[in-house]
N, C-alpha and C. Protein backbone atom coordinates (compact mmCIF):
# COMPACT_ATOMS: atom_id res chain seq x y z
N MET A 1 -9.24 -5.61 -6.23
CA MET A 1 -9.67 -4.39 -5.77
C MET A 1 -9.06 -3.78 -5.03
N GLN A 2 -8.20 -2.33 -5.37
CA GLN A 2 -7.53 -1.85 -4.62
C GLN A 2 -8.28 -0.68 -4.00
N THR A 3 -8.13 -0.67 -2.75
CA THR A 3 -8.83 0.88 -1.54
C THR A 3 -7.98 1.70 -1.32
N THR A 4 -8.55 2.61 -0.77
CA THR A 4 -7.68 3.99 -0.28
C THR A 4 -8.86 4.61 0.93
N THR A 5 -8.39 5.25 1.44
CA THR A 5 -8.75 5.56 3.05
C THR A 5 -10.12 7.18 2.68
N LEU A 6 -10.61 7.31 3.49
CA LEU A 6 -11.09 8.62 3.26
C LEU A 6 -10.04 9.89 3.41
N GLU A 7 -9.51 9.86 4.14
CA GLU A 7 -8.54 10.73 4.58
C GLU A 7 -7.18 11.08 3.16
N GLN A 8 -7.16 9.51 2.45
CA GLN A 8 -6.50 9.71 1.25
C GLN A 8 -6.94 10.48 -0.16
N LEU A 9 -8.42 9.86 -0.06
CA LEU A 9 -9.35 10.55 -1.07
C LEU A 9 -9.41 12.44 -0.87
N HIS A 10 -9.55 12.47 0.63
CA HIS A 10 -9.37 14.18 0.52
C HIS A 10 -8.09 14.74 0.30
N GLU A 11 -6.93 14.31 0.46
CA GLU A 11 -5.64 14.60 0.06
C GLU A 11 -5.39 14.70 -1.34
N GLU A 12 -5.90 13.50 -2.15
CA GLU A 12 -6.24 13.87 -3.67
C GLU A 12 -7.27 14.72 -4.30
N LEU A 13 -8.08 15.06 -3.37
CA LEU A 13 -9.03 16.35 -3.81
C LEU A 13 -8.21 17.74 -3.49
N GLY A 14 -7.25 18.08 -2.39
CA GLY A 14 -6.67 19.05 -2.25
C GLY A 14 -6.46 20.14 -3.27
N ASP A 15 -5.66 19.21 -4.37
CA ASP A 15 -5.41 20.22 -5.62
C ASP A 15 -6.06 19.98 -6.47
N ALA A 16 -7.51 19.58 -6.44
CA ALA A 16 -7.96 19.72 -7.68
C ALA A 16 -9.01 20.94 -7.30
N TYR A 17 -9.46 21.48 -8.44
CA TYR A 17 -10.64 22.56 -8.65
C TYR A 17 -12.05 22.13 -8.62
N ALA A 18 -12.13 20.86 -9.73
CA ALA A 18 -13.41 20.08 -10.08
C ALA A 18 -13.02 19.02 -10.25
N VAL A 19 -14.37 18.21 -10.22
CA VAL A 19 -14.15 16.74 -10.63
C VAL A 19 -15.31 16.48 -11.62
N ASP A 20 -14.67 15.24 -11.97
CA ASP A 20 -16.32 14.79 -13.24
C ASP A 20 -16.85 13.63 -11.85
N LEU A 21 -18.31 14.09 -11.63
CA LEU A 21 -18.89 13.23 -10.99
C LEU A 21 -20.39 12.98 -11.56
N ASN A 22 -19.84 10.95 -11.65
CA ASN A 22 -21.18 10.50 -12.36
C ASN A 22 -21.14 11.41 -14.06
N ASP A 23 -20.54 11.67 -14.13
CA ASP A 23 -20.41 12.22 -15.71
C ASP A 23 -20.93 14.08 -15.96
N THR A 24 -20.76 14.34 -14.53
CA THR A 24 -21.29 16.02 -14.43
C THR A 24 -20.19 16.56 -14.10
N LEU A 25 -19.99 17.47 -14.34
CA LEU A 25 -18.97 18.54 -13.74
C LEU A 25 -19.02 19.07 -12.78
N TYR A 26 -18.40 19.11 -11.38
CA TYR A 26 -18.80 19.51 -10.09
C TYR A 26 -17.32 20.27 -9.57
N PHE A 27 -17.70 21.19 -8.99
CA PHE A 27 -17.02 21.99 -8.19
C PHE A 27 -16.38 21.67 -7.06
N ILE A 28 -15.00 21.68 -6.24
CA ILE A 28 -14.75 21.51 -4.88
C ILE A 28 -15.09 22.55 -4.19
N GLY A 29 -15.21 22.48 -3.03
CA GLY A 29 -15.48 23.49 -1.70
C GLY A 29 -15.28 22.73 -0.59
N TYR A 30 -15.01 23.31 0.55
CA TYR A 30 -14.32 22.84 1.71
C TYR A 30 -15.92 23.78 2.76
N ASP A 31 -16.30 23.02 3.80
CA ASP A 31 -17.13 23.85 5.22
C ASP A 31 -16.30 23.03 6.26
N ASP A 32 -17.32 23.19 7.55
CA ASP A 32 -16.52 23.13 8.72
C ASP A 32 -16.44 21.38 8.68
N GLU A 33 -16.99 20.50 8.05
CA GLU A 33 -17.19 19.09 7.76
C GLU A 33 -16.20 18.53 7.09
N GLY A 34 -15.68 19.36 5.73
CA GLY A 34 -14.85 18.91 5.09
C GLY A 34 -14.95 18.97 3.62
N PRO A 35 -14.38 18.48 2.71
CA PRO A 35 -14.72 18.76 1.34
C PRO A 35 -16.01 18.24 0.80
N PHE A 36 -16.72 18.87 -0.15
CA PHE A 36 -17.90 18.64 -0.96
C PHE A 36 -17.78 18.94 -2.03
N VAL A 37 -18.86 18.54 -2.88
CA VAL A 37 -18.78 19.07 -4.38
C VAL A 37 -20.10 19.49 -4.87
N ALA A 38 -20.32 20.53 -5.67
CA ALA A 38 -21.39 21.09 -6.08
C ALA A 38 -21.53 21.35 -7.28
N ASP A 39 -22.56 21.46 -7.77
CA ASP A 39 -22.67 21.75 -9.30
C ASP A 39 -22.45 23.63 -9.43
N ASN A 40 -22.32 23.87 -10.83
CA ASN A 40 -21.96 25.01 -10.97
C ASN A 40 -23.21 26.43 -10.18
N HIS A 41 -24.29 25.82 -10.14
CA HIS A 41 -25.22 26.90 -9.17
C HIS A 41 -25.48 26.48 -7.88
N GLY A 42 -24.79 25.65 -7.42
CA GLY A 42 -24.77 25.14 -6.07
C GLY A 42 -26.13 24.56 -5.43
N ASP A 43 -26.66 23.81 -6.60
CA ASP A 43 -28.17 23.48 -6.13
C ASP A 43 -27.98 22.14 -5.83
N ASP A 44 -27.06 21.43 -6.26
CA ASP A 44 -26.80 19.46 -6.49
C ASP A 44 -25.27 19.58 -5.32
N TYR A 45 -25.51 19.20 -4.17
CA TYR A 45 -24.54 19.48 -3.05
C TYR A 45 -24.24 18.35 -2.65
N ILE A 46 -23.24 17.39 -2.62
CA ILE A 46 -23.02 16.35 -1.71
C ILE A 46 -21.82 16.54 -1.09
N SER A 47 -21.92 16.05 0.25
CA SER A 47 -20.87 16.11 1.29
C SER A 47 -19.73 14.94 0.73
N LEU A 48 -18.31 15.10 1.02
CA LEU A 48 -17.68 13.97 0.91
C LEU A 48 -16.86 14.03 2.10
N ALA A 49 -17.43 14.24 3.42
CA ALA A 49 -17.15 14.10 4.87
C ALA A 49 -17.29 12.50 5.02
N GLU A 50 -18.23 11.80 4.43
CA GLU A 50 -18.47 10.23 4.83
C GLU A 50 -18.93 9.76 3.53
N VAL A 51 -18.10 8.68 3.88
CA VAL A 51 -18.16 7.46 2.31
C VAL A 51 -18.66 6.12 3.10
N ASP A 52 -19.82 5.84 2.54
CA ASP A 52 -20.15 4.65 2.97
C ASP A 52 -19.65 3.01 2.12
N GLY A 53 -18.49 2.24 3.07
CA GLY A 53 -18.34 1.66 3.00
C GLY A 53 -16.94 1.61 1.96
N ASP A 54 -16.07 1.01 1.10
CA ASP A 54 -15.19 1.14 0.47
C ASP A 54 -15.01 2.18 -0.54
N ILE A 55 -13.67 3.13 -0.64
CA ILE A 55 -13.25 3.66 -1.43
C ILE A 55 -12.45 3.17 -2.47
N GLU A 56 -12.87 2.64 -3.81
CA GLU A 56 -12.30 1.74 -4.99
C GLU A 56 -11.67 2.87 -5.42
N VAL A 57 -10.20 2.62 -5.81
CA VAL A 57 -9.18 3.24 -6.53
C VAL A 57 -9.43 2.59 -7.94
N LEU A 58 -9.66 3.42 -9.20
CA LEU A 58 -9.68 3.10 -10.45
C LEU A 58 -8.68 3.77 -11.21
N GLU A 59 -8.53 3.31 -12.51
CA GLU A 59 -7.63 3.86 -13.04
C GLU A 59 -7.57 5.11 -13.37
N TYR A 60 -8.96 5.73 -13.34
CA TYR A 60 -8.99 7.03 -13.66
C TYR A 60 -9.93 8.06 -12.68
N GLY A 61 -9.80 6.69 -11.80
CA GLY A 61 -10.44 7.89 -10.48
C GLY A 61 -11.00 6.73 -9.16
N PHE A 62 -12.27 7.05 -8.54
CA PHE A 62 -12.56 6.28 -7.63
C PHE A 62 -13.98 6.27 -7.70
N PHE A 63 -14.47 4.85 -7.19
CA PHE A 63 -15.78 4.70 -7.08
C PHE A 63 -16.32 4.43 -5.69
N PHE A 64 -17.14 4.98 -5.05
CA PHE A 64 -17.57 4.92 -3.61
C PHE A 64 -19.42 5.13 -3.50
N HIS A 65 -19.63 5.24 -2.55
CA HIS A 65 -21.32 5.49 -2.14
C HIS A 65 -21.18 6.43 -0.95
N VAL A 66 -22.27 7.26 -1.30
CA VAL A 66 -22.60 8.75 -0.37
C VAL A 66 -24.04 8.56 -0.13
N ALA A 67 -24.33 7.89 1.09
CA ALA A 67 -25.98 8.29 1.67
C ALA A 67 -26.45 6.94 0.58
N GLU A 68 -25.90 5.69 -0.03
CA GLU A 68 -26.13 4.88 -0.88
C GLU A 68 -26.42 5.34 -2.19
N LYS A 69 -26.22 6.61 -2.59
CA LYS A 69 -25.96 6.59 -3.90
C LYS A 69 -24.41 6.32 -4.61
N PRO A 70 -24.23 5.49 -5.54
CA PRO A 70 -23.21 5.33 -6.34
C PRO A 70 -22.33 6.66 -6.98
N ILE A 71 -21.39 6.84 -6.68
CA ILE A 71 -20.62 7.90 -6.94
C ILE A 71 -19.03 7.36 -7.86
N THR A 72 -19.29 7.73 -9.11
CA THR A 72 -17.90 7.88 -9.89
C THR A 72 -17.15 8.93 -10.09
N LEU A 73 -15.91 9.31 -9.21
CA LEU A 73 -15.18 10.71 -9.34
C LEU A 73 -13.99 10.58 -10.15
N LYS A 74 -13.95 11.51 -11.27
CA LYS A 74 -12.61 11.56 -11.56
C LYS A 74 -11.96 12.77 -11.15
N LEU A 75 -10.89 13.11 -11.33
CA LEU A 75 -10.24 14.54 -11.20
C LEU A 75 -9.69 15.14 -12.13
N LEU A 76 -10.06 15.95 -12.27
CA LEU A 76 -9.81 16.90 -13.77
C LEU A 76 -8.97 17.59 -13.59
N SER A 77 -8.01 18.46 -14.70
CA SER A 77 -6.84 19.17 -14.88
C SER A 77 -7.29 20.37 -15.90
N LEU A 78 -8.06 21.17 -14.99
CA LEU A 78 -8.33 22.51 -16.22
C LEU A 78 -7.47 23.19 -16.56
N MET A 79 -7.40 23.83 -17.64
CA MET A 79 -6.53 24.92 -18.26
C MET A 79 -7.52 25.81 -18.96
N LYS A 80 -6.81 26.78 -18.60
CA LYS A 80 -7.16 28.40 -19.57
C LYS A 80 -6.29 28.51 -20.85
N ILE A 81 -7.53 28.34 -22.14
CA ILE A 81 -6.99 28.44 -23.20
C ILE A 81 -7.05 30.08 -23.57
N ASN A 82 -5.90 30.59 -23.99
CA ASN A 82 -5.68 32.10 -24.77
C ASN A 82 -6.73 32.10 -25.79
C-alpha cells in the first residue's frame, strides 16, 4: 500500500476544480482551515483540513477517512465543449 501526506494531497488538489467523491461531483474551495469540497448547492460540505489515519494512493485517486467517513476521491479534468 502506497500512502501520501496531507500536504501532498492538498498540493494535488491545487490544480483541480472538481473531484469525484464517492461517485458524486464535488467542487473544491478553500477557507481559513484549508481545502474543502462541497456539492453544487454547498449543502454537503467536507473539510479536507484533517484526515483520519493514512491517505492511500490509488491508481485513480485517493482513499482516506474524514470524521470516520470513508472517502474515495478522484481528481477530474473538466473541459468545455463548444
